[in-house]
Amino acid sequence: MTEPATGEAAGGLSVGRYRFLRYWSVNVWLAQRGGWSFPGFAYTEADVTRLKALADAASGTAVMVWLAATVVIYIALAAGLVTAAFSALSVLVPNPADVPAAGFFGGLILAVAGMLVLGLPLSITLGGWIADKLAGAPPPQSPGDLALASKVGEQFLRMGLIVGVLMAASVAGWTWLLRGR
């Protein structure tokens, strides 16, 4: 007798994407309880109900472990990404005085946008993996989880693009204002 298919085999989420959704739900619920909202991260009433159910399923220990692990992982990823970006830049232009402003700020924009689009979801997922190992099994998936996870993924991509464009416009504006000085 075979076991029923789960996750991607059943048209659901992979373990990693489901873990991200569960711990993103904790993040959203903690923010909402604190009276915060995320611009660009709007959810329907059904989405909020599911996010709350996923967040409520996480034990207090899991949440504390996840928060600590996510912060440490995010800082390590950010430090690694910035180090890699500027190490590559220093190889391309060995004398820092010769680095054009556009190259410096372009690297900075890519690092910030990359950390929002890739680093934040990765640190949430890896922190969740650590929390799951220490604090127990996750709740079962719901039929609407795939659509909700896709929505959150699109929100992260949009956030990264908007931040990247805003940073590029800011750099262009400051460069224009400070030209000739």
N, C-alpha and C. Protein backbone atom coordinates (compact mmCIF):
# COMPACT_ATOMS: atom_id res chain seq x y z
N MET A 1 0.84 -1.18 0.00
CA MET A 1 0.00 0.00 0.00
C MET A 1 0.89 1.25 0.00
N THR A 2 0.59 2.21 -0.87
CA THR A 2 1.39 3.43 -0.94
C THR A 2 0.76 4.53 -0.09
N GLU A 3 1.63 5.40 0.41
CA GLU A 3 1.14 6.53 1.20
C GLU A 3 0.63 7.62 0.27
N PRO A 4 -0.31 8.45 0.71
CA PRO A 4 -0.80 9.53 -0.14
C PRO A 4 0.31 10.54 -0.42
N ALA A 5 0.28 11.11 -1.60
CA ALA A 5 1.28 12.09 -1.98
C ALA A 5 1.10 13.37 -1.17
N THR A 6 2.22 13.98 -0.84
CA THR A 6 2.20 15.25 -0.12
C THR A 6 3.10 16.24 -0.83
N GLY A 7 3.03 17.49 -0.42
CA GLY A 7 3.91 18.52 -0.98
C GLY A 7 3.70 18.71 -2.46
N GLU A 8 4.82 18.86 -3.19
CA GLU A 8 4.75 19.11 -4.62
C GLU A 8 4.08 17.96 -5.37
N ALA A 9 4.27 16.72 -4.90
CA ALA A 9 3.65 15.57 -5.58
C ALA A 9 2.13 15.64 -5.54
N ALA A 10 1.58 16.32 -4.53
CA ALA A 10 0.12 16.43 -4.40
C ALA A 10 -0.37 17.78 -4.91
N GLY A 11 0.49 18.52 -5.59
CA GLY A 11 0.11 19.85 -6.08
C GLY A 11 0.24 20.91 -5.00
N GLY A 12 0.93 20.57 -3.92
CA GLY A 12 1.13 21.52 -2.83
C GLY A 12 2.52 22.13 -2.87
N LEU A 13 2.95 22.61 -1.72
CA LEU A 13 4.24 23.27 -1.61
C LEU A 13 5.35 22.29 -1.25
N SER A 14 6.56 22.59 -1.68
CA SER A 14 7.70 21.81 -1.22
C SER A 14 7.88 22.08 0.27
N VAL A 15 8.67 21.28 0.91
CA VAL A 15 8.92 21.45 2.35
C VAL A 15 9.50 22.84 2.62
N GLY A 16 10.46 23.26 1.81
CA GLY A 16 11.10 24.57 2.00
C GLY A 16 10.14 25.74 1.81
N ARG A 17 9.34 25.68 0.76
CA ARG A 17 8.38 26.78 0.53
C ARG A 17 7.31 26.82 1.60
N TYR A 18 6.90 25.66 2.07
CA TYR A 18 5.90 25.61 3.13
C TYR A 18 6.49 26.14 4.43
N ARG A 19 7.75 25.79 4.70
CA ARG A 19 8.42 26.30 5.89
C ARG A 19 8.51 27.83 5.81
N PHE A 20 8.89 28.36 4.65
CA PHE A 20 8.95 29.82 4.48
C PHE A 20 7.58 30.44 4.76
N LEU A 21 6.52 29.87 4.18
CA LEU A 21 5.18 30.41 4.37
C LEU A 21 4.78 30.39 5.85
N ARG A 22 5.08 29.30 6.53
CA ARG A 22 4.72 29.20 7.95
C ARG A 22 5.42 30.27 8.78
N TYR A 23 6.71 30.45 8.55
CA TYR A 23 7.43 31.42 9.38
C TYR A 23 7.22 32.86 8.90
N TRP A 24 6.92 33.05 7.63
CA TRP A 24 6.51 34.38 7.19
C TRP A 24 5.19 34.74 7.86
N SER A 25 4.33 33.74 8.03
CA SER A 25 3.06 33.96 8.73
C SER A 25 3.30 34.42 10.15
N VAL A 26 4.26 33.82 10.82
CA VAL A 26 4.61 34.26 12.18
C VAL A 26 5.07 35.72 12.15
N ASN A 27 5.91 36.05 11.18
CA ASN A 27 6.41 37.41 11.05
C ASN A 27 5.27 38.40 10.83
N VAL A 28 4.37 38.08 9.92
CA VAL A 28 3.23 38.96 9.62
C VAL A 28 2.34 39.09 10.86
N TRP A 29 2.08 37.99 11.52
CA TRP A 29 1.19 38.04 12.67
C TRP A 29 1.81 38.83 13.83
N LEU A 30 3.11 38.67 14.06
CA LEU A 30 3.78 39.47 15.09
C LEU A 30 3.70 40.96 14.76
N ALA A 31 3.91 41.29 13.50
CA ALA A 31 3.84 42.69 13.08
C ALA A 31 2.42 43.24 13.25
N GLN A 32 1.43 42.47 12.84
CA GLN A 32 0.05 42.95 12.95
C GLN A 32 -0.37 43.12 14.41
N ARG A 33 0.06 42.21 15.27
CA ARG A 33 -0.25 42.35 16.69
C ARG A 33 0.41 43.60 17.27
N GLY A 34 1.54 43.99 16.72
CA GLY A 34 2.23 45.20 17.17
C GLY A 34 1.71 46.46 16.51
N GLY A 35 0.69 46.33 15.64
CA GLY A 35 0.11 47.49 14.97
C GLY A 35 0.87 47.92 13.72
N TRP A 36 1.78 47.10 13.24
CA TRP A 36 2.55 47.44 12.05
C TRP A 36 1.89 46.85 10.82
N SER A 37 2.18 47.45 9.69
CA SER A 37 1.76 46.87 8.42
C SER A 37 2.92 47.00 7.45
N PHE A 38 2.90 46.18 6.42
CA PHE A 38 3.94 46.20 5.41
C PHE A 38 3.37 46.79 4.14
N PRO A 39 3.84 47.95 3.69
CA PRO A 39 3.33 48.49 2.43
C PRO A 39 3.61 47.50 1.29
N GLY A 40 2.60 47.25 0.49
CA GLY A 40 2.75 46.33 -0.62
C GLY A 40 2.46 44.88 -0.27
N PHE A 41 2.22 44.61 1.02
CA PHE A 41 1.91 43.26 1.46
C PHE A 41 0.48 43.24 1.97
N ALA A 42 -0.48 43.23 1.04
CA ALA A 42 -1.89 43.23 1.40
C ALA A 42 -2.43 41.80 1.29
N TYR A 43 -3.30 41.46 2.22
CA TYR A 43 -3.86 40.11 2.25
C TYR A 43 -5.37 40.18 2.38
N THR A 44 -6.04 39.21 1.74
CA THR A 44 -7.49 39.11 1.87
C THR A 44 -7.82 38.57 3.26
N GLU A 45 -9.10 38.60 3.60
CA GLU A 45 -9.52 38.07 4.91
C GLU A 45 -9.20 36.58 5.02
N ALA A 46 -9.37 35.84 3.92
CA ALA A 46 -9.04 34.41 3.92
C ALA A 46 -7.54 34.21 4.12
N ASP A 47 -6.73 35.06 3.47
CA ASP A 47 -5.27 34.98 3.64
C ASP A 47 -4.89 35.24 5.10
N VAL A 48 -5.48 36.27 5.70
CA VAL A 48 -5.18 36.62 7.08
C VAL A 48 -5.58 35.48 8.02
N THR A 49 -6.71 34.85 7.76
CA THR A 49 -7.16 33.72 8.58
C THR A 49 -6.15 32.58 8.50
N ARG A 50 -5.67 32.28 7.30
CA ARG A 50 -4.69 31.19 7.14
C ARG A 50 -3.34 31.59 7.75
N LEU A 51 -2.90 32.83 7.54
CA LEU A 51 -1.65 33.29 8.14
C LEU A 51 -1.72 33.16 9.66
N LYS A 52 -2.85 33.54 10.23
CA LYS A 52 -3.01 33.46 11.69
C LYS A 52 -2.99 32.00 12.14
N ALA A 53 -3.66 31.12 11.40
CA ALA A 53 -3.68 29.70 11.77
C ALA A 53 -2.27 29.11 11.72
N LEU A 54 -1.51 29.46 10.69
CA LEU A 54 -0.13 28.97 10.60
C LEU A 54 0.72 29.54 11.73
N ALA A 55 0.55 30.83 12.02
CA ALA A 55 1.33 31.46 13.09
C ALA A 55 0.97 30.87 14.44
N ASP A 56 -0.31 30.64 14.68
CA ASP A 56 -0.75 30.08 15.96
C ASP A 56 -0.25 28.66 16.18
N ALA A 57 0.04 27.94 15.10
CA ALA A 57 0.51 26.56 15.22
C ALA A 57 1.97 26.49 15.68
N ALA A 58 2.70 27.58 15.60
CA ALA A 58 4.10 27.60 16.03
C ALA A 58 4.15 27.81 17.54
N SER A 59 4.91 26.97 18.20
CA SER A 59 5.05 27.11 19.66
C SER A 59 5.89 28.34 19.99
N GLY A 60 5.80 28.78 21.22
CA GLY A 60 6.61 29.91 21.67
C GLY A 60 8.10 29.64 21.52
N THR A 61 8.50 28.40 21.80
CA THR A 61 9.91 28.02 21.64
C THR A 61 10.32 28.11 20.18
N ALA A 62 9.47 27.60 19.29
CA ALA A 62 9.78 27.65 17.85
C ALA A 62 9.93 29.09 17.38
N VAL A 63 9.05 29.97 17.85
CA VAL A 63 9.12 31.37 17.43
C VAL A 63 10.41 32.02 17.92
N MET A 64 10.78 31.78 19.17
CA MET A 64 12.00 32.39 19.72
C MET A 64 13.25 31.87 19.00
N VAL A 65 13.30 30.56 18.76
CA VAL A 65 14.43 29.98 18.05
C VAL A 65 14.47 30.53 16.63
N TRP A 66 13.31 30.60 15.98
CA TRP A 66 13.25 31.11 14.61
C TRP A 66 13.72 32.56 14.53
N LEU A 67 13.25 33.39 15.44
CA LEU A 67 13.66 34.80 15.43
C LEU A 67 15.18 34.93 15.58
N ALA A 68 15.74 34.25 16.54
CA ALA A 68 17.19 34.35 16.78
C ALA A 68 17.97 33.81 15.58
N ALA A 69 17.58 32.64 15.07
CA ALA A 69 18.30 32.04 13.95
C ALA A 69 18.18 32.89 12.69
N THR A 70 17.00 33.43 12.45
CA THR A 70 16.79 34.25 11.25
C THR A 70 17.66 35.50 11.27
N VAL A 71 17.74 36.15 12.41
CA VAL A 71 18.56 37.36 12.52
C VAL A 71 20.03 37.04 12.25
N VAL A 72 20.53 36.00 12.90
CA VAL A 72 21.94 35.63 12.73
C VAL A 72 22.22 35.26 11.28
N ILE A 73 21.35 34.46 10.68
CA ILE A 73 21.54 34.04 9.29
C ILE A 73 21.46 35.23 8.34
N TYR A 74 20.50 36.14 8.55
CA TYR A 74 20.37 37.30 7.67
C TYR A 74 21.60 38.19 7.74
N ILE A 75 22.10 38.44 8.94
CA ILE A 75 23.29 39.28 9.09
C ILE A 75 24.50 38.61 8.42
N ALA A 76 24.63 37.29 8.60
CA ALA A 76 25.74 36.57 7.97
C ALA A 76 25.62 36.62 6.44
N LEU A 77 24.40 36.43 5.91
CA LEU A 77 24.21 36.51 4.46
C LEU A 77 24.51 37.91 3.94
N ALA A 78 24.05 38.94 4.65
CA ALA A 78 24.30 40.32 4.23
C ALA A 78 25.79 40.62 4.23
N ALA A 79 26.47 40.23 5.28
CA ALA A 79 27.91 40.46 5.35
C ALA A 79 28.63 39.72 4.22
N GLY A 80 28.22 38.49 3.96
CA GLY A 80 28.84 37.72 2.89
C GLY A 80 28.58 38.31 1.52
N LEU A 81 27.36 38.76 1.28
CA LEU A 81 27.01 39.34 -0.02
C LEU A 81 27.75 40.65 -0.26
N VAL A 82 27.77 41.51 0.74
CA VAL A 82 28.47 42.79 0.59
C VAL A 82 29.97 42.55 0.41
N THR A 83 30.53 41.64 1.18
CA THR A 83 31.96 41.31 1.04
C THR A 83 32.24 40.78 -0.35
N ALA A 84 31.40 39.87 -0.84
CA ALA A 84 31.61 39.31 -2.18
C ALA A 84 31.47 40.38 -3.26
N ALA A 85 30.45 41.23 -3.14
CA ALA A 85 30.24 42.27 -4.16
C ALA A 85 31.42 43.23 -4.22
N PHE A 86 31.86 43.68 -3.07
CA PHE A 86 32.94 44.67 -3.08
C PHE A 86 34.31 44.04 -3.28
N SER A 87 34.46 42.75 -2.98
CA SER A 87 35.70 42.05 -3.32
C SER A 87 35.80 41.92 -4.84
N ALA A 88 34.69 41.59 -5.47
CA ALA A 88 34.68 41.51 -6.93
C ALA A 88 34.98 42.86 -7.54
N LEU A 89 34.41 43.91 -6.97
CA LEU A 89 34.66 45.26 -7.47
C LEU A 89 36.14 45.63 -7.30
N SER A 90 36.74 45.21 -6.18
CA SER A 90 38.16 45.55 -5.96
C SER A 90 39.08 44.77 -6.89
N VAL A 91 38.63 43.62 -7.35
CA VAL A 91 39.42 42.87 -8.34
C VAL A 91 39.33 43.57 -9.69
N LEU A 92 38.14 44.03 -10.03
CA LEU A 92 37.95 44.71 -11.31
C LEU A 92 38.63 46.07 -11.33
N VAL A 93 38.59 46.78 -10.19
CA VAL A 93 39.21 48.11 -10.09
C VAL A 93 40.06 48.10 -8.81
N PRO A 94 41.34 47.73 -8.93
CA PRO A 94 42.18 47.56 -7.74
C PRO A 94 42.37 48.81 -6.88
N ASN A 95 42.37 49.99 -7.47
CA ASN A 95 42.55 51.22 -6.71
C ASN A 95 41.17 51.78 -6.36
N PRO A 96 40.80 51.80 -5.06
CA PRO A 96 39.47 52.28 -4.67
C PRO A 96 39.17 53.70 -5.15
N ALA A 97 40.19 54.52 -5.32
CA ALA A 97 39.97 55.89 -5.78
C ALA A 97 39.48 55.93 -7.23
N ASP A 98 39.74 54.86 -7.97
CA ASP A 98 39.34 54.80 -9.38
C ASP A 98 37.95 54.21 -9.58
N VAL A 99 37.31 53.77 -8.50
CA VAL A 99 35.98 53.18 -8.63
C VAL A 99 34.99 54.30 -8.94
N PRO A 100 34.31 54.21 -10.06
CA PRO A 100 33.31 55.24 -10.37
C PRO A 100 32.14 55.15 -9.39
N ALA A 101 31.54 56.28 -9.12
CA ALA A 101 30.41 56.32 -8.20
C ALA A 101 29.30 55.37 -8.65
N ALA A 102 29.08 55.33 -9.95
CA ALA A 102 28.03 54.45 -10.48
C ALA A 102 28.33 52.99 -10.17
N GLY A 103 29.58 52.58 -10.26
CA GLY A 103 29.96 51.21 -9.95
C GLY A 103 29.78 50.89 -8.48
N PHE A 104 30.18 51.82 -7.61
CA PHE A 104 30.03 51.62 -6.17
C PHE A 104 28.56 51.52 -5.80
N PHE A 105 27.78 52.51 -6.23
CA PHE A 105 26.37 52.50 -5.87
C PHE A 105 25.58 51.40 -6.58
N GLY A 106 26.02 51.04 -7.78
CA GLY A 106 25.38 49.90 -8.46
C GLY A 106 25.56 48.62 -7.67
N GLY A 107 26.77 48.40 -7.14
CA GLY A 107 27.01 47.23 -6.29
C GLY A 107 26.18 47.27 -5.04
N LEU A 108 26.06 48.46 -4.45
CA LEU A 108 25.26 48.61 -3.24
C LEU A 108 23.78 48.33 -3.52
N ILE A 109 23.27 48.85 -4.62
CA ILE A 109 21.87 48.61 -5.00
C ILE A 109 21.61 47.13 -5.21
N LEU A 110 22.52 46.47 -5.93
CA LEU A 110 22.35 45.03 -6.15
C LEU A 110 22.39 44.25 -4.85
N ALA A 111 23.27 44.65 -3.94
CA ALA A 111 23.37 43.95 -2.65
C ALA A 111 22.08 44.12 -1.84
N VAL A 112 21.57 45.34 -1.77
CA VAL A 112 20.35 45.58 -0.99
C VAL A 112 19.15 44.86 -1.62
N ALA A 113 18.98 45.00 -2.92
CA ALA A 113 17.85 44.33 -3.58
C ALA A 113 18.00 42.81 -3.47
N GLY A 114 19.21 42.30 -3.62
CA GLY A 114 19.44 40.86 -3.49
C GLY A 114 19.12 40.35 -2.10
N MET A 115 19.44 41.14 -1.09
CA MET A 115 19.14 40.72 0.28
C MET A 115 17.64 40.73 0.55
N LEU A 116 16.92 41.63 -0.07
CA LEU A 116 15.47 41.64 0.13
C LEU A 116 14.78 40.50 -0.62
N VAL A 117 15.19 40.28 -1.86
CA VAL A 117 14.51 39.29 -2.70
C VAL A 117 14.98 37.86 -2.41
N LEU A 118 16.26 37.69 -2.12
CA LEU A 118 16.80 36.35 -1.89
C LEU A 118 17.19 36.11 -0.43
N GLY A 119 17.89 37.06 0.17
CA GLY A 119 18.42 36.86 1.51
C GLY A 119 17.37 36.75 2.59
N LEU A 120 16.36 37.60 2.53
CA LEU A 120 15.32 37.56 3.55
C LEU A 120 14.52 36.25 3.50
N PRO A 121 14.01 35.84 2.33
CA PRO A 121 13.30 34.55 2.29
C PRO A 121 14.20 33.37 2.68
N LEU A 122 15.47 33.42 2.25
CA LEU A 122 16.39 32.33 2.59
C LEU A 122 16.64 32.27 4.09
N SER A 123 16.84 33.42 4.72
CA SER A 123 17.09 33.41 6.17
C SER A 123 15.83 33.01 6.94
N ILE A 124 14.66 33.40 6.47
CA ILE A 124 13.42 32.97 7.11
C ILE A 124 13.28 31.45 7.01
N THR A 125 13.58 30.89 5.85
CA THR A 125 13.45 29.45 5.65
C THR A 125 14.49 28.67 6.45
N LEU A 126 15.75 29.11 6.43
CA LEU A 126 16.79 28.40 7.18
C LEU A 126 16.56 28.53 8.69
N GLY A 127 16.13 29.72 9.14
CA GLY A 127 15.79 29.88 10.55
C GLY A 127 14.63 28.98 10.94
N GLY A 128 13.67 28.81 10.03
CA GLY A 128 12.55 27.90 10.26
C GLY A 128 12.99 26.45 10.33
N TRP A 129 13.97 26.09 9.50
CA TRP A 129 14.49 24.72 9.54
C TRP A 129 15.10 24.43 10.91
N ILE A 130 15.88 25.38 11.42
CA ILE A 130 16.48 25.22 12.75
C ILE A 130 15.39 25.12 13.81
N ALA A 131 14.40 26.01 13.73
CA ALA A 131 13.30 25.98 14.71
C ALA A 131 12.52 24.68 14.64
N ASP A 132 12.27 24.19 13.43
CA ASP A 132 11.54 22.92 13.29
C ASP A 132 12.33 21.76 13.89
N LYS A 133 13.64 21.76 13.70
CA LYS A 133 14.47 20.68 14.25
C LYS A 133 14.44 20.69 15.77
N LEU A 134 14.36 21.87 16.36
CA LEU A 134 14.40 21.98 17.82
C LEU A 134 13.02 22.00 18.48
N ALA A 135 11.98 22.35 17.73
CA ALA A 135 10.68 22.60 18.38
C ALA A 135 9.52 21.75 17.87
N GLY A 136 9.71 20.87 16.92
CA GLY A 136 8.60 19.99 16.57
C GLY A 136 8.12 20.05 15.14
N ALA A 137 7.09 19.29 14.89
CA ALA A 137 6.55 19.08 13.55
C ALA A 137 5.61 20.21 13.13
N PRO A 138 5.60 20.52 11.83
CA PRO A 138 4.70 21.57 11.32
C PRO A 138 3.27 21.06 11.17
N PRO A 139 2.31 21.98 11.10
CA PRO A 139 0.92 21.57 10.83
C PRO A 139 0.78 21.15 9.37
N PRO A 140 -0.28 20.43 9.02
CA PRO A 140 -0.46 20.01 7.63
C PRO A 140 -0.78 21.20 6.72
N GLN A 141 -0.50 20.99 5.44
CA GLN A 141 -0.79 22.02 4.45
C GLN A 141 -2.29 22.12 4.22
N SER A 142 -2.68 23.31 3.74
CA SER A 142 -4.07 23.58 3.39
C SER A 142 -4.13 23.77 1.87
N PRO A 143 -5.27 23.52 1.24
CA PRO A 143 -5.36 23.67 -0.22
C PRO A 143 -4.99 25.07 -0.73
N GLY A 144 -5.21 26.11 0.04
CA GLY A 144 -4.91 27.46 -0.43
C GLY A 144 -3.48 27.91 -0.20
N ASP A 145 -2.65 27.05 0.39
CA ASP A 145 -1.28 27.45 0.73
C ASP A 145 -0.42 27.74 -0.49
N LEU A 146 -0.62 27.00 -1.57
CA LEU A 146 0.17 27.22 -2.77
C LEU A 146 -0.08 28.62 -3.33
N ALA A 147 -1.33 29.02 -3.42
CA ALA A 147 -1.66 30.36 -3.93
C ALA A 147 -1.14 31.44 -2.99
N LEU A 148 -1.26 31.22 -1.68
CA LEU A 148 -0.78 32.20 -0.72
C LEU A 148 0.74 32.34 -0.78
N ALA A 149 1.45 31.23 -0.90
CA ALA A 149 2.91 31.28 -1.02
C ALA A 149 3.33 31.98 -2.30
N SER A 150 2.61 31.75 -3.39
CA SER A 150 2.92 32.43 -4.66
C SER A 150 2.70 33.94 -4.52
N LYS A 151 1.64 34.32 -3.82
CA LYS A 151 1.35 35.74 -3.59
C LYS A 151 2.47 36.39 -2.80
N VAL A 152 2.93 35.73 -1.74
CA VAL A 152 4.01 36.28 -0.91
C VAL A 152 5.30 36.39 -1.74
N GLY A 153 5.58 35.37 -2.55
CA GLY A 153 6.77 35.42 -3.40
C GLY A 153 6.74 36.60 -4.37
N GLU A 154 5.58 36.85 -4.97
CA GLU A 154 5.43 37.99 -5.87
C GLU A 154 5.61 39.31 -5.11
N GLN A 155 5.13 39.34 -3.86
CA GLN A 155 5.30 40.55 -3.05
C GLN A 155 6.78 40.82 -2.77
N PHE A 156 7.54 39.79 -2.48
CA PHE A 156 8.97 39.96 -2.23
C PHE A 156 9.68 40.44 -3.49
N LEU A 157 9.34 39.88 -4.63
CA LEU A 157 9.96 40.31 -5.89
C LEU A 157 9.62 41.77 -6.17
N ARG A 158 8.37 42.13 -6.00
CA ARG A 158 7.95 43.52 -6.21
C ARG A 158 8.70 44.46 -5.25
N MET A 159 8.83 44.05 -4.00
CA MET A 159 9.53 44.88 -3.02
C MET A 159 10.98 45.09 -3.45
N GLY A 160 11.64 44.04 -3.88
CA GLY A 160 13.03 44.17 -4.32
C GLY A 160 13.17 45.08 -5.52
N LEU A 161 12.26 44.95 -6.48
CA LEU A 161 12.30 45.81 -7.66
C LEU A 161 12.05 47.28 -7.30
N ILE A 162 11.08 47.52 -6.45
CA ILE A 162 10.77 48.90 -6.07
C ILE A 162 11.93 49.52 -5.31
N VAL A 163 12.48 48.78 -4.35
CA VAL A 163 13.62 49.31 -3.59
C VAL A 163 14.80 49.56 -4.52
N GLY A 164 15.06 48.64 -5.44
CA GLY A 164 16.16 48.83 -6.39
C GLY A 164 15.97 50.07 -7.24
N VAL A 165 14.77 50.27 -7.75
CA VAL A 165 14.49 51.45 -8.58
C VAL A 165 14.60 52.72 -7.75
N LEU A 166 14.05 52.70 -6.53
CA LEU A 166 14.14 53.89 -5.68
C LEU A 166 15.58 54.23 -5.32
N MET A 167 16.36 53.19 -5.03
CA MET A 167 17.77 53.45 -4.72
C MET A 167 18.51 53.99 -5.94
N ALA A 168 18.24 53.43 -7.11
CA ALA A 168 18.89 53.91 -8.33
C ALA A 168 18.50 55.36 -8.60
N ALA A 169 17.24 55.70 -8.42
CA ALA A 169 16.79 57.09 -8.63
C ALA A 169 17.44 58.01 -7.61
N SER A 170 17.56 57.55 -6.38
CA SER A 170 18.20 58.35 -5.33
C SER A 170 19.67 58.60 -5.67
N VAL A 171 20.37 57.56 -6.09
CA VAL A 171 21.78 57.72 -6.46
C VAL A 171 21.91 58.67 -7.64
N ALA A 172 21.04 58.51 -8.63
CA ALA A 172 21.10 59.40 -9.80
C ALA A 172 20.83 60.85 -9.38
N GLY A 173 19.87 61.05 -8.48
CA GLY A 173 19.56 62.39 -8.00
C GLY A 173 20.71 63.01 -7.24
N TRP A 174 21.30 62.27 -6.32
CA TRP A 174 22.43 62.79 -5.55
C TRP A 174 23.63 63.05 -6.44
N THR A 175 23.87 62.17 -7.41
CA THR A 175 24.98 62.36 -8.33
C THR A 175 24.78 63.64 -9.13
N TRP A 176 23.56 63.88 -9.56
CA TRP A 176 23.26 65.08 -10.32
C TRP A 176 23.44 66.32 -9.45
N LEU A 177 22.93 66.27 -8.20
CA LEU A 177 23.04 67.41 -7.29
C LEU A 177 24.48 67.73 -6.91
N LEU A 178 25.30 66.70 -6.78
CA LEU A 178 26.66 66.91 -6.31
C LEU A 178 27.68 67.00 -7.45
N ARG A 179 27.23 66.98 -8.68
CA ARG A 179 28.19 67.05 -9.80
C ARG A 179 28.95 68.38 -9.74
N GLY A 180 30.18 68.28 -10.11
CA GLY A 180 31.00 69.49 -10.16
C GLY A 180 31.54 69.94 -8.81
N ARG A 181 31.28 69.24 -7.74
CA ARG A 181 31.83 69.64 -6.42
C ARG A 181 33.07 68.91 -6.11
